[in-house]
Amino acid sequence: QMPELVAVLDRFKKAADAAQSKALVTVAPHDAVPHQRLVDVLNACAEAGITGVTLAGGGEGSQ
């Protein structure tokens, strides 16, 4: 559903692997983001093989 994001994350994962480093992603969604969009982003990370994903909590509106 998000082919451009998957492509960017795939390049990021390959660069991290080449540097013998773990690819880490922090997702900080705005409060108004639909839950399905967050799931789409997490699925894109999984599709790119990135397992080091954390969620950053927000307040009234994350930046």
C-alpha atoms as a PDB file:
ATOM      1  CA  GLN A   1       0.000   0.000   0.000  1.00  0.00           C
ATOM      2  CA  MET A   2       2.988   2.295   0.452  1.00  0.00           C
ATOM      3  CA  PRO A   3       5.494   1.252  -2.232  1.00  0.00           C
ATOM      4  CA  GLU A   4       7.576   4.441  -2.045  1.00  0.00           C
ATOM      5  CA  LEU A   5       7.987   4.121   1.720  1.00  0.00           C
ATOM      6  CA  VAL A   6       8.890   0.447   1.372  1.00  0.00           C
ATOM      7  CA  ALA A   7      11.547   1.363  -1.214  1.00  0.00           C
ATOM      8  CA  VAL A   8      13.068   4.018   1.069  1.00  0.00           C
ATOM      9  CA  LEU A   9      13.017   1.678   4.063  1.00  0.00           C
ATOM     10  CA  ASP A  10      14.562  -1.098   1.977  1.00  0.00           C
ATOM     11  CA  ARG A  11      17.455   1.185   0.982  1.00  0.00           C
ATOM     12  CA  PHE A  12      17.841   2.235   4.628  1.00  0.00           C
ATOM     13  CA  LYS A  13      17.937  -1.418   5.742  1.00  0.00           C
ATOM     14  CA  LYS A  14      20.543  -2.298   3.112  1.00  0.00           C
ATOM     15  CA  ALA A  15      22.705   0.666   4.156  1.00  0.00           C
ATOM     16  CA  ALA A  16      22.443  -0.331   7.817  1.00  0.00           C
ATOM     17  CA  ASP A  17      23.336  -3.932   6.985  1.00  0.00           C
ATOM     18  CA  ALA A  18      26.339  -2.766   4.938  1.00  0.00           C
ATOM     19  CA  ALA A  19      27.497  -0.715   7.921  1.00  0.00           C
ATOM     20  CA  GLN A  20      26.963  -3.738  10.190  1.00  0.00           C
ATOM     21  CA  SER A  21      24.421  -1.730  12.140  1.00  0.00           C
ATOM     22  CA  LYS A  22      20.824  -2.443  13.101  1.00  0.00           C
ATOM     23  CA  ALA A  23      18.169  -0.515  11.200  1.00  0.00           C
ATOM     24  CA  LEU A  24      16.094   1.303  13.810  1.00  0.00           C
ATOM     25  CA  VAL A  25      12.926   3.256  13.077  1.00  0.00           C
ATOM     26  CA  THR A  26      10.909   5.408  15.459  1.00  0.00           C
ATOM     27  CA  VAL A  27       7.359   6.172  14.378  1.00  0.00           C
ATOM     28  CA  ALA A  28       5.857   9.294  15.942  1.00  0.00           C
ATOM     29  CA  PRO A  29       2.339   9.650  14.561  1.00  0.00           C
ATOM     30  CA  HIS A  30       0.281  12.783  15.025  1.00  0.00           C
ATOM     31  CA  ASP A  31      -2.803  12.280  17.165  1.00  0.00           C
ATOM     32  CA  ALA A  32      -5.067  12.836  14.146  1.00  0.00           C
ATOM     33  CA  VAL A  33      -3.496  10.047  12.058  1.00  0.00           C
ATOM     34  CA  PRO A  34      -5.961   7.217  11.419  1.00  0.00           C
ATOM     35  CA  HIS A  35      -4.948   3.946  13.060  1.00  0.00           C
ATOM     36  CA  GLN A  36      -4.956   2.173   9.704  1.00  0.00           C
ATOM     37  CA  ARG A  37      -2.255   4.534   8.407  1.00  0.00           C
ATOM     38  CA  LEU A  38      -0.050   3.636  11.368  1.00  0.00           C
ATOM     39  CA  VAL A  39      -0.621  -0.041  10.580  1.00  0.00           C
ATOM     40  CA  ASP A  40       0.342   0.670   6.955  1.00  0.00           C
ATOM     41  CA  VAL A  41       3.638   2.223   8.108  1.00  0.00           C
ATOM     42  CA  LEU A  42       4.375  -0.699  10.423  1.00  0.00           C
ATOM     43  CA  ASN A  43       3.616  -3.121   7.585  1.00  0.00           C
ATOM     44  CA  ALA A  44       6.001  -1.188   5.316  1.00  0.00           C
ATOM     45  CA  CYS A  45       8.730  -1.577   7.933  1.00  0.00           C
ATOM     46  CA  ALA A  46       8.047  -5.305   8.129  1.00  0.00           C
ATOM     47  CA  GLU A  47       8.067  -5.648   4.346  1.00  0.00           C
ATOM     48  CA  ALA A  48      11.484  -3.974   4.255  1.00  0.00           C
ATOM     49  CA  GLY A  49      12.756  -6.400   6.899  1.00  0.00           C
ATOM     50  CA  ILE A  50      13.089  -3.790   9.628  1.00  0.00           C
ATOM     51  CA  THR A  51      12.305  -5.259  13.028  1.00  0.00           C
ATOM     52  CA  GLY A  52      13.731  -2.502  15.225  1.00  0.00           C
ATOM     53  CA  VAL A  53      10.609  -0.340  15.292  1.00  0.00           C
ATOM     54  CA  THR A  54       9.455   1.749  18.237  1.00  0.00           C
ATOM     55  CA  LEU A  55       6.485   4.041  18.700  1.00  0.00           C
ATOM     56  CA  ALA A  56       6.916   7.476  20.219  1.00  0.00           C
ATOM     57  CA  GLY A  57       3.919   8.701  22.151  1.00  0.00           C
ATOM     58  CA  GLY A  58       2.532  12.130  21.599  1.00  0.00           C
ATOM     59  CA  GLY A  59       0.546  14.597  23.540  1.00  0.00           C
ATOM     60  CA  GLU A  60      -2.119  16.796  22.070  1.00  0.00           C
ATOM     61  CA  GLY A  61      -0.302  16.800  18.752  1.00  0.00           C
ATOM     62  CA  SER A  62       3.019  15.170  18.015  1.00  0.00           C
ATOM     63  CA  GLN A  63       5.514  17.079  15.954  1.00  0.00           C
END
